[in-house]
Amino acid sequence: MKFSTRIDTNIPASTLFEIAGDFSRSERALTARGVLVRRIDPAEEPGIGLGWDLEFNWRGQRRTMRLAVTRFDRPSQITLEGQSDQFDLSINMTVVALSLVKSRLLFETEVRPRNMRARLLLQTAKLGKAQLDRKYDQRIADFLTHLRAA
């Protein structure tokens, strides 16, 4: 199942990329939302190989996920790949300059099932895809706003 959103901002593309690529800021934002974040690679410099083990509650159960940066192209693109017990996850963030002071963030997430139970869960979720899309758009916008404020 794929989700995507685009967010237009009144900040330059380079600044938007620095906000999206500031993983320390993202770690703090996730921790504030109740996610236990453990960095796999202790390197401070963002780039390929940086990764995290995440633990969070979802639907009343404790979930774990491993997430790693697989692509980090400084001017415009970041790709993260993740894996949990039931799903494979791919997150792609692309920054597009609209003008000198305006930019757009394209945020795409793809969730792929790893077993039959996960496949059934995604099939059921597709019935409410319109509502999930609205929630996804709102959560990504809120997350970006939180990162800008931090």
Protein backbone atom coordinates (compact mmCIF):
# COMPACT_ATOMS: atom_id res chain seq x y z
CA MET A 1 0.00 0.00 0.00
CA LYS A 2 1.37 3.40 -0.95
CA PHE A 3 0.79 6.74 0.69
CA SER A 4 2.06 10.05 -0.61
CA THR A 5 1.67 13.71 0.13
CA ARG A 6 3.25 16.96 -0.94
CA ILE A 7 3.75 19.95 1.28
CA ASP A 8 4.48 23.40 -0.12
CA THR A 9 6.51 25.66 2.16
CA ASN A 10 7.72 29.24 2.19
CA ILE A 11 11.30 28.28 2.97
CA PRO A 12 14.22 27.67 0.59
CA ALA A 13 14.84 24.12 -0.65
CA SER A 14 18.24 23.87 1.03
CA THR A 15 16.72 24.78 4.42
CA LEU A 16 13.85 22.34 3.93
CA PHE A 17 16.32 19.56 3.11
CA GLU A 18 18.34 20.36 6.24
CA ILE A 19 15.17 20.14 8.34
CA ALA A 20 14.11 16.82 6.75
CA GLY A 21 17.64 15.44 7.00
CA ASP A 22 18.23 16.44 10.62
CA PHE A 23 17.83 12.99 12.15
CA SER A 24 18.64 14.16 15.68
CA ARG A 25 15.62 16.44 15.49
CA SER A 26 13.50 13.57 14.16
CA GLU A 27 14.68 11.31 17.00
CA ARG A 28 13.61 13.90 19.57
CA ALA A 29 10.23 14.34 17.85
CA LEU A 30 9.62 10.58 17.83
CA THR A 31 10.66 10.27 21.47
CA ALA A 32 8.19 13.02 22.36
CA ARG A 33 5.47 10.90 20.70
CA GLY A 34 6.30 7.87 22.86
CA VAL A 35 8.62 5.97 20.52
CA LEU A 36 11.73 4.36 22.02
CA VAL A 37 14.57 5.23 19.62
CA ARG A 38 17.97 3.51 19.66
CA ARG A 39 20.51 4.56 17.06
CA ILE A 40 22.32 1.63 15.41
CA ASP A 41 25.22 3.64 14.01
CA PRO A 42 26.47 6.22 16.52
CA ALA A 43 27.77 8.50 13.73
CA GLU A 44 26.56 12.06 14.04
CA GLU A 45 26.85 12.87 10.33
CA PRO A 46 23.70 11.99 8.36
CA GLY A 47 24.15 9.63 5.45
CA ILE A 48 23.89 6.09 4.18
CA GLY A 49 24.25 3.48 6.89
CA LEU A 50 22.66 5.51 9.65
CA GLY A 51 19.91 3.46 11.27
CA TRP A 52 17.62 3.00 14.26
CA ASP A 53 15.78 0.37 16.22
CA LEU A 54 12.32 1.70 17.05
CA GLU A 55 9.82 0.42 19.61
CA PHE A 56 6.28 1.79 19.82
CA ASN A 57 2.74 0.81 20.75
CA TRP A 58 0.33 0.32 17.88
CA ARG A 59 -3.16 -1.12 18.24
CA GLY A 60 -2.47 -2.13 21.83
CA GLN A 61 0.68 -4.14 21.14
CA ARG A 62 4.37 -3.35 21.41
CA ARG A 63 5.94 -3.22 17.93
CA THR A 64 9.57 -3.10 16.87
CA MET A 65 11.07 -1.85 13.64
CA ARG A 66 14.55 -1.43 12.23
CA LEU A 67 14.94 1.62 9.98
CA ALA A 68 18.04 2.59 7.97
CA VAL A 69 19.04 5.33 5.53
CA THR A 70 19.64 3.77 2.11
CA ARG A 71 19.95 6.93 0.01
CA PHE A 72 21.11 10.39 1.03
CA ASP A 73 21.57 12.75 -1.91
CA ARG A 74 22.37 16.08 -0.26
CA PRO A 75 20.45 18.52 -2.43
CA SER A 76 17.17 16.73 -2.80
CA GLN A 77 16.49 13.12 -1.74
CA ILE A 78 16.49 10.86 1.32
CA THR A 79 15.31 7.25 1.31
CA LEU A 80 14.77 5.11 4.40
CA GLU A 81 14.09 1.37 4.40
CA GLY A 82 12.55 -0.42 7.35
CA GLN A 83 11.55 -3.86 8.45
CA SER A 84 9.29 -5.18 11.19
CA ASP A 85 7.81 -8.59 11.97
CA GLN A 86 4.91 -8.09 9.57
CA PHE A 87 5.89 -5.34 7.14
CA ASP A 88 8.64 -3.96 4.93
CA LEU A 89 8.59 -0.16 4.79
CA SER A 90 10.08 2.32 2.35
CA ILE A 91 10.06 6.08 2.99
CA ASN A 92 11.16 8.50 0.28
CA MET A 93 11.53 12.25 0.89
CA THR A 94 12.22 14.51 -2.08
CA VAL A 95 12.74 18.27 -1.87
CA VAL A 96 11.91 20.31 -4.97
CA ALA A 97 12.78 23.99 -5.31
CA LEU A 98 9.80 25.98 -6.61
CA SER A 99 11.60 29.34 -6.44
CA LEU A 100 14.40 30.90 -4.41
CA VAL A 101 12.22 31.12 -1.31
CA LYS A 102 9.60 28.39 -1.88
CA SER A 103 9.97 24.63 -1.95
CA ARG A 104 7.96 21.44 -1.94
CA LEU A 105 8.46 18.26 0.09
CA LEU A 106 7.25 15.07 -1.58
CA PHE A 107 6.84 12.43 1.10
CA GLU A 108 6.07 8.86 -0.01
CA THR A 109 5.64 5.75 2.11
CA GLU A 110 5.19 2.23 0.80
CA VAL A 111 4.16 -0.62 3.09
CA ARG A 112 4.60 -4.20 1.89
CA PRO A 113 3.34 -7.26 3.79
CA ARG A 114 5.77 -10.00 4.85
CA ASN A 115 3.21 -12.68 5.74
CA MET A 116 -0.41 -13.65 5.15
CA ARG A 117 -1.68 -11.97 8.31
CA ALA A 118 -0.10 -8.67 7.24
CA ARG A 119 -1.52 -9.06 3.73
CA LEU A 120 -5.02 -9.44 5.19
CA LEU A 121 -4.48 -6.41 7.41
CA LEU A 122 -3.49 -4.29 4.40
CA GLN A 123 -6.43 -5.57 2.34
CA THR A 124 -8.78 -4.53 5.13
CA ALA A 125 -7.06 -1.15 5.43
CA LYS A 126 -7.58 -0.51 1.70
CA LEU A 127 -11.32 -0.29 2.36
CA GLY A 128 -10.71 2.93 4.31
CA LYS A 129 -7.90 4.25 2.08
CA ALA A 130 -9.43 7.73 1.65
CA GLN A 131 -9.58 8.26 5.40
CA LEU A 132 -6.05 6.85 5.83
CA ASP A 133 -4.78 9.25 3.14
CA ARG A 134 -6.27 12.24 4.98
CA LYS A 135 -4.72 11.13 8.28
CA TYR A 136 -1.36 10.53 6.56
CA ASP A 137 -1.39 14.02 5.03
CA GLN A 138 -2.20 15.59 8.38
CA ARG A 139 0.41 13.60 10.34
CA ILE A 140 3.21 14.40 7.87
CA ALA A 141 2.27 18.10 7.91
CA ASP A 142 2.20 18.08 11.73
CA PHE A 143 5.54 16.26 11.89
CA LEU A 144 7.16 18.79 9.53
CA THR A 145 5.72 21.67 11.56
CA HIS A 146 7.08 20.10 14.74
CA LEU A 147 10.54 19.69 13.14
CA ARG A 148 10.56 23.32 11.97
CA ALA A 149 9.65 24.53 15.46
CA ALA A 150 12.31 22.42 17.21
